[in-house]
């Protein structure tokens, strides 16, 4: 018999328990097994770096777009959006108060323009709706930014706020969006094949119309990743940080990693990005000396 705080008790002859996780957890493993270990398995968890400015912008934007739909119809105005931005703003990670104030205005204008092009009278089926999906191998749960009803079919909408404008191929290959579509379809017992990435700063929409077959392939992909994670998690439980299943997967992303202070290999990939580097135009070289002195 094996037991664990987040595991099901098992006995000989019982089916293997479902692997429980989120799309973010699955993708963290694909990005970098070392970061996955530090984020999800290490106890105590290594201290992550302070929040960056682009994360503050993203969270504030999502919160405004969440709360907008709770406003009475008469308050769904530019003034109402401006007030939501003011009360939702997160003043963390910016270079100085002037930069924070400038970005608050940019977010206000971007969200106002985005909503002006939206169907504000068509109330979504769900806002930040939690959904779950179970198969014979996995139990996946997550939260959809927005779930629309369009002509009797559900549409999964995910907001994006970063510098990079997503493409239709990004929507097609997104594992989380596909899993959310399957989960929403099963929970609401209605068809859901279309997934969309709404880039709020530019107002562009990247989309893909899945088939039942393509959604099935995405579920199989999640099950395959979960199978690898089941073995890795079990090995960590036996030998801890000595496990060889969590090598760093070094890349340019290491300069942005929240756990780079605890990863020697990641530090060798270049200097750490500044707290506000994610706000700069793509290609702008904004760095600060490494906090580790490497």
Protein backbone atom coordinates (compact mmCIF):
# COMPACT_ATOMS: atom_id res chain seq x y z
CA UNK A 1 0.00 0.00 0.00
CA UNK A 2 1.23 3.54 -0.78
CA UNK A 3 -0.17 6.76 0.56
CA UNK A 4 0.55 10.44 -0.01
CA UNK A 5 -0.98 13.80 0.77
CA UNK A 6 -2.10 14.28 -2.84
CA UNK A 7 -2.35 10.63 -3.88
CA UNK A 8 -5.03 7.97 -3.75
CA UNK A 9 -4.42 4.96 -1.52
CA UNK A 10 -3.78 1.86 -3.63
CA UNK A 11 -3.85 -1.85 -2.95
CA UNK A 12 -2.54 -4.75 -4.96
CA UNK A 13 -4.80 -5.49 -7.91
CA UNK A 14 -6.44 -2.06 -7.88
CA UNK A 15 -6.43 0.06 -11.08
CA UNK A 16 -3.69 2.65 -11.32
CA UNK A 17 -5.00 5.92 -9.86
CA UNK A 18 -5.69 8.73 -12.31
CA UNK A 19 -2.90 11.25 -12.72
CA UNK A 20 -4.34 14.56 -11.51
CA UNK A 21 -3.03 17.86 -12.77
CA UNK A 22 -3.63 20.96 -14.84
CA UNK A 23 -2.61 21.89 -18.38
CA UNK A 24 -0.08 24.30 -16.85
CA UNK A 25 1.52 21.45 -14.94
CA UNK A 26 1.80 19.33 -18.07
CA UNK A 27 3.35 22.18 -20.04
CA UNK A 28 5.79 23.01 -17.23
CA UNK A 29 7.22 19.50 -17.61
CA UNK A 30 7.64 19.96 -21.36
CA UNK A 31 9.29 23.35 -20.91
CA UNK A 32 11.84 22.23 -18.32
CA UNK A 33 11.80 19.18 -16.01
CA UNK A 34 14.04 21.02 -13.53
CA UNK A 35 11.61 23.93 -13.23
CA UNK A 36 8.72 21.47 -12.97
CA UNK A 37 10.40 19.77 -10.03
CA UNK A 38 11.08 23.02 -8.21
CA UNK A 39 7.59 24.38 -8.85
CA UNK A 40 5.52 21.30 -8.08
CA UNK A 41 7.56 18.75 -6.12
CA UNK A 42 10.31 20.30 -4.00
CA UNK A 43 9.39 20.83 -0.35
CA UNK A 44 10.05 23.36 0.87
CA UNK A 45 9.49 24.96 -2.48
CA UNK A 46 12.43 27.12 -3.61
CA UNK A 47 11.69 30.80 -3.40
CA UNK A 48 10.60 32.23 -6.76
CA UNK A 49 11.73 35.64 -7.93
CA UNK A 50 9.40 38.62 -7.42
CA UNK A 51 6.61 39.15 -9.95
CA UNK A 52 7.56 40.91 -13.18
CA UNK A 53 5.73 43.90 -14.61
CA UNK A 54 4.31 42.06 -17.63
CA UNK A 55 2.73 39.53 -15.25
CA UNK A 56 1.14 42.37 -13.30
CA UNK A 57 -0.22 43.77 -16.57
CA UNK A 58 -1.58 40.38 -17.58
CA UNK A 59 -3.29 39.67 -14.26
CA UNK A 60 -4.83 43.14 -14.08
CA UNK A 61 -6.12 42.86 -17.66
CA UNK A 62 -7.67 39.46 -17.01
CA UNK A 63 -9.31 40.76 -13.82
CA UNK A 64 -10.85 43.71 -15.67
CA UNK A 65 -12.19 41.46 -18.42
CA UNK A 66 -13.60 39.15 -15.74
CA UNK A 67 -15.30 41.87 -13.73
CA UNK A 68 -16.64 43.73 -16.76
CA UNK A 69 -19.36 41.12 -17.25
CA UNK A 70 -20.59 41.64 -13.68
CA UNK A 71 -21.32 45.31 -14.37
CA UNK A 72 -24.89 46.40 -15.00
CA UNK A 73 -25.50 47.07 -18.69
CA UNK A 74 -25.57 50.83 -18.08
CA UNK A 75 -22.06 50.75 -16.60
CA UNK A 76 -20.44 48.82 -19.46
CA UNK A 77 -18.92 52.05 -20.71
CA UNK A 78 -15.41 53.47 -21.16
CA UNK A 79 -15.79 55.14 -17.78
CA UNK A 80 -16.76 51.82 -16.22
CA UNK A 81 -13.74 50.13 -17.77
CA UNK A 82 -11.45 52.92 -16.56
CA UNK A 83 -12.68 52.43 -13.01
CA UNK A 84 -12.13 48.67 -13.21
CA UNK A 85 -8.58 49.23 -14.43
CA UNK A 86 -7.93 51.68 -11.60
CA UNK A 87 -9.17 49.31 -8.91
CA UNK A 88 -7.58 46.21 -10.46
CA UNK A 89 -4.14 47.67 -11.13
CA UNK A 90 -1.14 45.82 -9.69
CA UNK A 91 1.80 48.16 -9.15
CA UNK A 92 4.51 45.48 -9.00
CA UNK A 93 7.62 45.01 -11.14
CA UNK A 94 7.68 48.33 -12.93
CA UNK A 95 10.82 50.42 -13.33
CA UNK A 96 9.28 53.42 -11.59
CA UNK A 97 5.88 55.02 -10.84
CA UNK A 98 5.90 56.80 -14.20
CA UNK A 99 6.20 53.54 -16.12
CA UNK A 100 3.42 51.98 -14.04
CA UNK A 101 1.10 54.94 -14.66
CA UNK A 102 1.83 54.91 -18.40
CA UNK A 103 1.03 51.21 -18.66
CA UNK A 104 -2.16 51.60 -16.67
CA UNK A 105 -3.36 54.06 -19.30
CA UNK A 106 -2.27 51.70 -22.09
CA UNK A 107 -4.22 48.85 -20.55
CA UNK A 108 -7.27 51.06 -20.10
CA UNK A 109 -7.22 52.06 -23.77
CA UNK A 110 -6.48 48.53 -25.02
CA UNK A 111 -9.28 46.93 -22.99
CA UNK A 112 -11.72 49.69 -23.96
CA UNK A 113 -10.93 49.22 -27.67
CA UNK A 114 -11.15 45.43 -27.34
CA UNK A 115 -14.53 45.54 -25.63
CA UNK A 116 -15.84 48.13 -28.07
CA UNK A 117 -15.38 45.51 -30.81
CA UNK A 118 -16.97 42.76 -28.70
CA UNK A 119 -20.60 41.75 -28.44
CA UNK A 120 -21.17 43.28 -25.03
CA UNK A 121 -24.83 42.28 -24.96
CA UNK A 122 -24.05 38.60 -25.49
CA UNK A 123 -23.39 37.42 -21.93
CA UNK A 124 -20.82 34.59 -21.90
CA UNK A 125 -21.76 31.15 -20.63
CA UNK A 126 -18.85 31.32 -18.23
CA UNK A 127 -16.14 33.70 -17.05
CA UNK A 128 -13.03 32.13 -15.53
CA UNK A 129 -15.06 28.94 -15.49
CA UNK A 130 -13.45 25.94 -13.81
CA UNK A 131 -13.73 22.77 -15.88
CA UNK A 132 -12.48 19.22 -15.48
CA UNK A 133 -11.87 16.28 -17.73
CA UNK A 134 -11.44 12.63 -16.77
CA UNK A 135 -10.25 9.77 -18.92
CA UNK A 136 -9.08 6.29 -17.99
CA UNK A 137 -5.62 7.72 -17.28
CA UNK A 138 -5.88 11.38 -16.23
CA UNK A 139 -7.98 13.89 -14.36
CA UNK A 140 -7.30 17.35 -15.80
CA UNK A 141 -8.73 20.53 -14.35
CA UNK A 142 -8.29 24.16 -15.27
CA UNK A 143 -10.02 27.48 -15.76
CA UNK A 144 -11.31 28.99 -19.00
CA UNK A 145 -10.99 32.77 -19.38
CA UNK A 146 -14.29 32.97 -21.24
CA UNK A 147 -16.78 30.47 -22.61
CA UNK A 148 -19.13 31.78 -25.31
CA UNK A 149 -22.36 30.43 -26.77
CA UNK A 150 -22.48 31.07 -30.51
CA UNK A 151 -25.41 29.65 -32.39
CA UNK A 152 -25.78 26.77 -29.97
CA UNK A 153 -22.10 25.77 -29.91
CA UNK A 154 -19.58 26.59 -27.21
CA UNK A 155 -16.38 28.52 -27.98
CA UNK A 156 -13.32 28.59 -25.71
CA UNK A 157 -11.73 32.06 -25.46
CA UNK A 158 -8.31 32.68 -23.93
CA UNK A 159 -6.99 36.22 -23.41
CA UNK A 160 -3.40 37.07 -24.31
CA UNK A 161 -1.62 40.26 -23.24
CA UNK A 162 2.04 39.73 -24.16
CA UNK A 163 4.20 41.29 -26.84
CA UNK A 164 3.85 38.39 -29.27
CA UNK A 165 0.66 38.32 -31.30
CA UNK A 166 -0.66 34.73 -31.43
CA UNK A 167 -1.34 33.02 -34.73
CA UNK A 168 -3.96 30.54 -35.89
CA UNK A 169 -1.27 27.87 -35.60
CA UNK A 170 -0.83 28.79 -31.93
CA UNK A 171 -4.55 28.21 -31.42
CA UNK A 172 -4.40 24.92 -33.34
CA UNK A 173 -1.49 23.48 -31.36
CA UNK A 174 -2.53 24.73 -27.92
CA UNK A 175 -2.94 21.77 -25.57
CA UNK A 176 -4.83 23.70 -22.85
CA UNK A 177 -7.40 25.11 -25.28
CA UNK A 178 -8.14 21.68 -26.73
CA UNK A 179 -8.50 20.10 -23.29
CA UNK A 180 -10.79 22.92 -22.20
CA UNK A 181 -12.94 22.37 -25.30
CA UNK A 182 -13.34 18.67 -24.51
CA UNK A 183 -14.05 19.39 -20.84
CA UNK A 184 -16.61 22.10 -21.62
CA UNK A 185 -18.37 19.87 -24.14
CA UNK A 186 -18.70 17.05 -21.63
CA UNK A 187 -19.74 19.25 -18.73
CA UNK A 188 -22.37 21.24 -20.65
CA UNK A 189 -23.33 18.37 -22.98
CA UNK A 190 -23.01 20.65 -25.97
CA UNK A 191 -20.62 20.68 -28.93
CA UNK A 192 -17.40 22.67 -28.49
CA UNK A 193 -14.82 22.63 -31.27
CA UNK A 194 -13.76 26.24 -31.80
CA UNK A 195 -10.93 27.73 -29.72
CA UNK A 196 -9.72 31.33 -29.87
CA UNK A 197 -6.77 33.37 -28.62
CA UNK A 198 -7.77 37.02 -28.15
CA UNK A 199 -4.73 39.32 -28.12
CA UNK A 200 -6.08 42.29 -26.20
CA UNK A 201 -3.33 44.85 -27.02
CA UNK A 202 -3.74 44.44 -30.79
CA UNK A 203 -7.36 43.32 -30.89
CA UNK A 204 -6.48 40.36 -33.11
CA UNK A 205 -8.12 36.94 -32.78
CA UNK A 206 -6.33 33.69 -33.63
CA UNK A 207 -8.66 30.72 -33.96
CA UNK A 208 -8.95 27.06 -34.87
CA UNK A 209 -11.90 24.79 -35.52
CA UNK A 210 -11.09 21.38 -34.07
CA UNK A 211 -12.63 18.10 -35.15
CA UNK A 212 -13.54 15.27 -32.81
CA UNK A 213 -10.45 13.49 -34.12
CA UNK A 214 -8.05 16.37 -33.48
CA UNK A 215 -9.44 16.83 -29.97
CA UNK A 216 -8.97 13.13 -29.36
CA UNK A 217 -5.32 13.43 -30.38
CA UNK A 218 -4.86 16.26 -27.87
CA UNK A 219 -6.35 14.17 -25.09
CA UNK A 220 -3.98 11.34 -26.04
CA UNK A 221 -1.09 13.82 -25.92
CA UNK A 222 -2.07 14.84 -22.39
CA UNK A 223 -2.25 11.20 -21.36
CA UNK A 224 1.23 10.56 -22.78
CA UNK A 225 2.71 13.50 -20.87
CA UNK A 226 0.93 12.37 -17.71
CA UNK A 227 2.45 8.90 -18.13
CA UNK A 228 5.94 10.42 -18.12
CA UNK A 229 5.03 12.56 -15.13
CA UNK A 230 3.71 9.60 -13.19
CA UNK A 231 7.10 7.88 -13.50
CA UNK A 232 9.04 11.05 -12.72
CA UNK A 233 6.93 11.90 -9.67
CA UNK A 234 7.29 8.36 -8.35
CA UNK A 235 11.06 8.50 -8.76
CA UNK A 236 11.19 11.83 -6.94
CA UNK A 237 9.19 10.33 -4.09
CA UNK A 238 11.84 7.60 -3.75
CA UNK A 239 15.09 9.55 -4.11
CA UNK A 240 14.14 13.24 -3.99
CA UNK A 241 16.39 15.78 -5.68
CA UNK A 242 18.90 13.03 -6.51
CA UNK A 243 16.51 11.78 -9.20
CA UNK A 244 18.00 11.99 -12.70
CA UNK A 245 14.58 12.50 -14.28
CA UNK A 246 14.63 16.28 -13.84
CA UNK A 247 17.45 17.69 -15.99
CA UNK A 248 17.34 21.38 -16.92
CA UNK A 249 16.16 22.11 -20.45
CA UNK A 250 18.21 25.21 -21.09
CA UNK A 251 17.17 27.86 -23.60
CA UNK A 252 16.75 31.62 -23.91
CA UNK A 253 13.76 31.25 -21.59
CA UNK A 254 16.18 30.67 -18.70
CA UNK A 255 16.77 34.42 -18.54
CA UNK A 256 13.12 34.79 -17.58
CA UNK A 257 12.76 31.80 -15.26
CA UNK A 258 11.32 32.45 -11.81
CA UNK A 259 13.64 29.78 -10.35
CA UNK A 260 16.91 30.63 -12.11
CA UNK A 261 18.53 31.60 -8.79
CA UNK A 262 18.40 27.89 -7.89
CA UNK A 263 19.66 26.54 -11.23
CA UNK A 264 23.34 26.87 -12.14
CA UNK A 265 22.80 25.69 -15.71
CA UNK A 266 20.08 28.25 -16.28
CA UNK A 267 22.26 31.06 -15.03
CA UNK A 268 24.84 30.20 -17.68
CA UNK A 269 22.36 30.95 -20.45
CA UNK A 270 22.72 34.70 -20.05
CA UNK A 271 21.96 37.56 -17.67
CA UNK A 272 18.61 37.78 -15.98
CA UNK A 273 15.98 39.94 -17.63
CA UNK A 274 14.88 43.04 -15.80
CA UNK A 275 11.53 43.15 -14.03
CA UNK A 276 10.07 45.25 -16.85
CA UNK A 277 11.81 43.65 -19.84
CA UNK A 278 8.58 41.95 -20.91
CA UNK A 279 7.06 45.35 -21.58
CA UNK A 280 9.75 46.39 -24.04
CA UNK A 281 9.45 45.89 -27.81
CA UNK A 282 10.50 42.44 -29.00
CA UNK A 283 14.25 42.27 -29.48
CA UNK A 284 15.01 45.03 -26.99
CA UNK A 285 17.92 43.92 -24.81
CA UNK A 286 16.83 44.80 -21.27
CA UNK A 287 18.85 42.92 -18.68
CA UNK A 288 20.12 43.27 -15.15
CA UNK A 289 23.09 41.61 -13.48
CA UNK A 290 22.34 38.12 -12.20
CA UNK A 291 21.06 38.08 -8.62
CA UNK A 292 23.27 35.06 -8.00
CA UNK A 293 26.46 36.77 -9.07
CA UNK A 294 27.08 34.18 -11.79
